[in-house]
Structures are given as structure tokens and as C-alpha cells.
């Protein structure tokens, strides 16, 4: 007689860990999607700018090398701040 999925965590202790890992991965993928959409919106707003500048803007929106799911990681925080500062600086320069 098969057991229900509700009892799976009791039978397999790693089930909870795997479930947490998949949740963290989903959140990281969502953040990456949001960054990509923001980059696309900036590209539309800054469409008269040369293509090379748009490539630089998109490269600033790439996630940092460390895991994006750990928002408490100092490397991630500083990389994110630097990317935002670079984007706002280029936006201010392009609007003049």
C-alpha cells in the first residue's frame, strides 16, 4: 500500500532540503527574469542610443558570479548596487 506524499518528509529527511533548494532556485530564476525585463524596458526607453551603449547596459544587468539567492552576501549586494549606479549614471548622461 503506497504512502501519501504528505508522509514523504518523515520517510525521506532530504525531501525537505530538496524542496527548499528548488524554492530557492525558483526565487533566483524569478529575480533573473525581473532583471532581464528591466534591461529590456531600459533598452526601449533608450532606443535612440547607439547599439554599443545598449550592449554595455545589458552587460551591467547580468547577475554577479556569486549566488543571487543569497541577498545577504556582501559580494552580491555590492555588485547589484554598482550595476544600478552604472545604469542610473548612463541614463542621466544619455538624457542630457
N, C-alpha and C. Protein backbone atom coordinates (compact mmCIF):
# COMPACT_ATOMS: atom_id res chain seq x y z
N UNK A 1 0.85 -1.18 0.00
CA UNK A 1 0.00 0.00 0.00
C UNK A 1 0.89 1.24 0.00
N UNK A 2 0.81 2.08 -1.05
CA UNK A 2 1.69 3.27 -1.12
C UNK A 2 1.30 4.34 -0.11
N UNK A 3 2.31 5.01 0.38
CA UNK A 3 2.05 6.10 1.33
C UNK A 3 1.75 7.38 0.58
N UNK A 4 1.05 8.28 1.24
CA UNK A 4 0.69 9.55 0.61
C UNK A 4 1.91 10.48 0.59
N UNK A 5 1.93 11.47 -0.31
CA UNK A 5 3.06 12.42 -0.35
C UNK A 5 3.22 13.22 0.94
N UNK A 6 2.15 13.30 1.73
CA UNK A 6 2.24 14.06 2.98
C UNK A 6 3.20 13.40 3.96
N UNK A 7 3.37 12.08 3.84
CA UNK A 7 4.29 11.39 4.76
C UNK A 7 5.71 11.33 4.20
N UNK A 8 5.92 11.83 3.00
CA UNK A 8 7.25 11.76 2.39
C UNK A 8 8.33 12.45 3.22
N UNK A 9 8.08 13.61 3.80
CA UNK A 9 9.15 14.23 4.60
C UNK A 9 9.59 13.38 5.78
N UNK A 10 8.67 12.62 6.37
CA UNK A 10 9.03 11.79 7.51
C UNK A 10 9.87 10.60 7.05
N UNK A 11 9.57 10.06 5.86
CA UNK A 11 10.30 8.90 5.36
C UNK A 11 11.64 9.30 4.77
N UNK A 12 11.71 10.46 4.14
CA UNK A 12 12.93 10.91 3.48
C UNK A 12 13.32 12.27 4.04
N UNK A 13 14.27 12.32 4.98
CA UNK A 13 14.64 13.62 5.58
C UNK A 13 15.20 14.62 4.56
N UNK A 14 15.79 14.13 3.48
CA UNK A 14 16.36 15.05 2.49
C UNK A 14 15.28 15.66 1.60
N UNK A 15 14.06 15.19 1.70
CA UNK A 15 12.97 15.72 0.89
C UNK A 15 12.77 17.21 1.19
N UNK A 16 12.80 17.57 2.48
CA UNK A 16 12.62 18.98 2.86
C UNK A 16 13.76 19.83 2.33
N UNK A 17 14.97 19.29 2.36
CA UNK A 17 16.13 20.04 1.86
C UNK A 17 16.01 20.24 0.35
N UNK A 18 15.60 19.20 -0.37
CA UNK A 18 15.44 19.31 -1.82
C UNK A 18 14.32 20.30 -2.16
N UNK A 19 13.27 20.26 -1.38
CA UNK A 19 12.15 21.18 -1.63
C UNK A 19 12.60 22.63 -1.40
N UNK A 20 13.37 22.87 -0.33
CA UNK A 20 13.88 24.21 -0.05
C UNK A 20 14.82 24.67 -1.17
N UNK A 21 15.67 23.76 -1.64
CA UNK A 21 16.60 24.11 -2.72
C UNK A 21 15.85 24.48 -3.99
N UNK A 22 14.78 23.76 -4.30
CA UNK A 22 14.03 24.08 -5.51
C UNK A 22 13.31 25.42 -5.35
N UNK A 23 12.86 25.74 -4.13
CA UNK A 23 12.22 27.03 -3.89
C UNK A 23 13.23 28.17 -4.07
N UNK A 24 14.43 27.98 -3.53
CA UNK A 24 15.48 29.00 -3.66
C UNK A 24 15.85 29.18 -5.13
N UNK A 25 15.94 28.08 -5.87
CA UNK A 25 16.26 28.17 -7.30
C UNK A 25 15.17 28.91 -8.06
N UNK A 26 13.92 28.67 -7.68
CA UNK A 26 12.81 29.36 -8.34
C UNK A 26 12.86 30.86 -8.06
N UNK A 27 13.20 31.22 -6.82
CA UNK A 27 13.30 32.64 -6.48
C UNK A 27 14.45 33.30 -7.25
N UNK A 28 15.57 32.59 -7.38
CA UNK A 28 16.70 33.14 -8.13
C UNK A 28 16.33 33.32 -9.60
N UNK A 29 15.61 32.36 -10.15
CA UNK A 29 15.18 32.47 -11.55
C UNK A 29 14.22 33.64 -11.73
N UNK A 30 13.36 33.86 -10.73
CA UNK A 30 12.43 34.99 -10.80
C UNK A 30 13.18 36.31 -10.78
N UNK A 31 14.20 36.41 -9.92
CA UNK A 31 14.99 37.65 -9.87
C UNK A 31 15.71 37.89 -11.20
N UNK A 32 16.23 36.82 -11.79
CA UNK A 32 16.91 36.97 -13.08
C UNK A 32 15.94 37.42 -14.16
N UNK A 33 14.72 36.89 -14.13
CA UNK A 33 13.70 37.31 -15.09
C UNK A 33 13.36 38.78 -14.92
N UNK A 34 13.24 39.22 -13.67
CA UNK A 34 12.94 40.63 -13.40
C UNK A 34 14.06 41.53 -13.91
N UNK A 35 15.31 41.12 -13.69
CA UNK A 35 16.45 41.90 -14.19
C UNK A 35 16.44 41.97 -15.71
N UNK A 36 16.11 40.85 -16.35
CA UNK A 36 16.06 40.83 -17.82
C UNK A 36 14.97 41.74 -18.34
N UNK A 37 13.80 41.70 -17.70
CA UNK A 37 12.70 42.57 -18.11
C UNK A 37 13.06 44.04 -17.90
N UNK A 38 13.74 44.34 -16.79
CA UNK A 38 14.16 45.72 -16.54
C UNK A 38 15.15 46.19 -17.61
N UNK A 39 16.06 45.31 -18.00
CA UNK A 39 17.01 45.66 -19.05
C UNK A 39 16.30 45.90 -20.38
N UNK A 40 15.29 45.09 -20.66
CA UNK A 40 14.53 45.28 -21.91
C UNK A 40 13.77 46.60 -21.88
N UNK A 41 13.20 46.93 -20.73
CA UNK A 41 12.47 48.20 -20.62
C UNK A 41 13.44 49.38 -20.80
N UNK A 42 14.63 49.28 -20.22
CA UNK A 42 15.62 50.34 -20.41
C UNK A 42 16.04 50.46 -21.87
N UNK A 43 16.15 49.32 -22.54
CA UNK A 43 16.53 49.35 -23.96
C UNK A 43 15.46 50.06 -24.78
N UNK A 44 14.19 49.85 -24.43
CA UNK A 44 13.12 50.54 -25.15
C UNK A 44 13.16 52.03 -24.85
N UNK A 45 13.39 52.38 -23.58
CA UNK A 45 13.43 53.80 -23.22
C UNK A 45 14.60 54.53 -23.86
N UNK A 46 15.70 53.83 -24.01
CA UNK A 46 16.92 54.46 -24.52
C UNK A 46 17.18 54.08 -25.97
N UNK A 47 16.14 53.80 -26.72
CA UNK A 47 16.30 53.29 -28.09
C UNK A 47 17.09 54.19 -29.02
N UNK A 48 17.08 55.53 -28.89
CA UNK A 48 17.89 56.32 -29.81
C UNK A 48 19.40 56.21 -29.57
N UNK A 49 19.80 55.61 -28.46
CA UNK A 49 21.22 55.50 -28.17
C UNK A 49 21.87 54.46 -29.09
N UNK A 50 23.17 54.54 -29.31
CA UNK A 50 23.85 53.57 -30.17
C UNK A 50 23.76 52.15 -29.60
N UNK A 51 23.88 51.17 -30.47
CA UNK A 51 23.76 49.77 -30.06
C UNK A 51 24.86 49.38 -29.07
N UNK A 52 26.05 49.95 -29.21
CA UNK A 52 27.15 49.60 -28.30
C UNK A 52 26.83 49.98 -26.87
N UNK A 53 26.18 51.12 -26.68
CA UNK A 53 25.81 51.55 -25.33
C UNK A 53 24.75 50.61 -24.76
N UNK A 54 23.82 50.16 -25.59
CA UNK A 54 22.81 49.22 -25.11
C UNK A 54 23.43 47.90 -24.70
N UNK A 55 24.46 47.46 -25.41
CA UNK A 55 25.16 46.23 -25.03
C UNK A 55 25.81 46.40 -23.66
N UNK A 56 26.40 47.57 -23.42
CA UNK A 56 27.01 47.83 -22.11
C UNK A 56 25.95 47.83 -21.02
N UNK A 57 24.80 48.45 -21.28
CA UNK A 57 23.72 48.46 -20.30
C UNK A 57 23.25 47.05 -19.98
N UNK A 58 23.09 46.22 -21.00
CA UNK A 58 22.65 44.85 -20.76
C UNK A 58 23.70 44.05 -20.01
N UNK A 59 24.99 44.31 -20.26
CA UNK A 59 26.03 43.57 -19.56
C UNK A 59 26.05 43.94 -18.08
N UNK A 60 25.62 45.16 -17.74
CA UNK A 60 25.57 45.55 -16.33
C UNK A 60 24.44 44.84 -15.59
N UNK A 61 23.45 44.34 -16.31
CA UNK A 61 22.31 43.69 -15.67
C UNK A 61 22.53 42.21 -15.44
N UNK A 62 23.67 41.67 -15.86
CA UNK A 62 23.94 40.26 -15.59
C UNK A 62 24.10 40.05 -14.09
N UNK A 63 23.66 38.89 -13.59
CA UNK A 63 23.84 38.63 -12.16
C UNK A 63 25.32 38.46 -11.82
N UNK A 64 25.72 38.78 -10.62
CA UNK A 64 27.11 38.64 -10.22
C UNK A 64 27.50 37.16 -10.15
N UNK A 65 28.81 36.85 -10.08
CA UNK A 65 29.23 35.45 -10.09
C UNK A 65 28.77 34.66 -8.87
N UNK A 66 28.57 35.31 -7.74
CA UNK A 66 28.11 34.54 -6.58
C UNK A 66 26.60 34.34 -6.69
N UNK A 67 26.07 33.47 -5.88
CA UNK A 67 24.67 33.07 -5.98
C UNK A 67 23.74 34.24 -5.71
N UNK A 68 22.78 34.45 -6.60
CA UNK A 68 21.85 35.56 -6.43
C UNK A 68 20.77 35.24 -5.40
N UNK A 69 20.70 33.98 -4.97
CA UNK A 69 19.67 33.65 -3.99
C UNK A 69 20.08 34.10 -2.59
N UNK A 70 21.34 34.45 -2.39
CA UNK A 70 21.80 34.87 -1.07
C UNK A 70 21.92 36.39 -1.06
N UNK A 71 20.82 37.07 -0.79
CA UNK A 71 20.84 38.53 -0.84
C UNK A 71 21.64 39.13 0.31
N UNK A 72 22.00 38.30 1.29
CA UNK A 72 22.82 38.81 2.40
C UNK A 72 24.30 38.74 2.08
N UNK A 73 24.65 38.12 0.96
CA UNK A 73 26.05 38.00 0.55
C UNK A 73 26.58 39.39 0.18
N UNK A 74 27.66 39.87 0.80
CA UNK A 74 28.16 41.22 0.51
C UNK A 74 28.56 41.39 -0.95
N UNK A 75 29.16 40.34 -1.57
CA UNK A 75 29.56 40.47 -2.98
C UNK A 75 28.35 40.71 -3.85
N UNK A 76 27.25 40.04 -3.56
CA UNK A 76 26.03 40.21 -4.36
C UNK A 76 25.46 41.61 -4.17
N UNK A 77 25.42 42.07 -2.91
CA UNK A 77 24.85 43.40 -2.63
C UNK A 77 25.64 44.49 -3.33
N UNK A 78 26.98 44.43 -3.21
CA UNK A 78 27.80 45.48 -3.81
C UNK A 78 27.75 45.42 -5.33
N UNK A 79 27.72 44.23 -5.91
CA UNK A 79 27.63 44.11 -7.37
C UNK A 79 26.30 44.67 -7.86
N UNK A 80 25.23 44.40 -7.11
CA UNK A 80 23.91 44.90 -7.51
C UNK A 80 23.89 46.42 -7.41
N UNK A 81 24.46 46.98 -6.33
CA UNK A 81 24.50 48.44 -6.18
C UNK A 81 25.32 49.08 -7.30
N UNK A 82 26.44 48.46 -7.65
CA UNK A 82 27.29 49.01 -8.71
C UNK A 82 26.56 48.99 -10.05
N UNK A 83 25.82 47.91 -10.31
CA UNK A 83 25.08 47.82 -11.57
C UNK A 83 24.00 48.89 -11.64
N UNK A 84 23.29 49.09 -10.54
CA UNK A 84 22.23 50.11 -10.52
C UNK A 84 22.84 51.50 -10.66
N UNK A 85 23.95 51.75 -9.98
CA UNK A 85 24.60 53.06 -10.09
C UNK A 85 25.09 53.30 -11.52
N UNK A 86 25.63 52.26 -12.15
CA UNK A 86 26.08 52.41 -13.53
C UNK A 86 24.93 52.70 -14.48
N UNK A 87 23.81 52.01 -14.27
CA UNK A 87 22.64 52.23 -15.13
C UNK A 87 22.08 53.64 -14.95
N UNK A 88 21.97 54.09 -13.70
CA UNK A 88 21.42 55.42 -13.48
C UNK A 88 22.38 56.50 -13.99
N UNK A 89 23.68 56.26 -13.87
CA UNK A 89 24.66 57.21 -14.40
C UNK A 89 24.58 57.32 -15.91
N UNK A 90 24.44 56.18 -16.58
CA UNK A 90 24.32 56.21 -18.04
C UNK A 90 23.00 56.81 -18.47
N UNK A 91 21.96 56.56 -17.70
CA UNK A 91 20.66 57.13 -18.03
C UNK A 91 20.72 58.66 -17.92
N UNK A 92 21.37 59.14 -16.86
CA UNK A 92 21.49 60.59 -16.67
C UNK A 92 22.34 61.21 -17.79
N UNK A 93 23.41 60.52 -18.19
CA UNK A 93 24.27 61.04 -19.26
C UNK A 93 23.55 61.04 -20.60
N UNK A 94 22.75 60.03 -20.84
CA UNK A 94 22.06 59.92 -22.13
C UNK A 94 20.91 60.88 -22.28
N UNK A 95 20.36 61.37 -21.20
CA UNK A 95 19.19 62.26 -21.26
C UNK A 95 19.56 63.72 -21.48
N UNK A 96 20.85 64.07 -21.36
CA UNK A 96 21.25 65.47 -21.49
C UNK A 96 21.21 65.94 -22.90
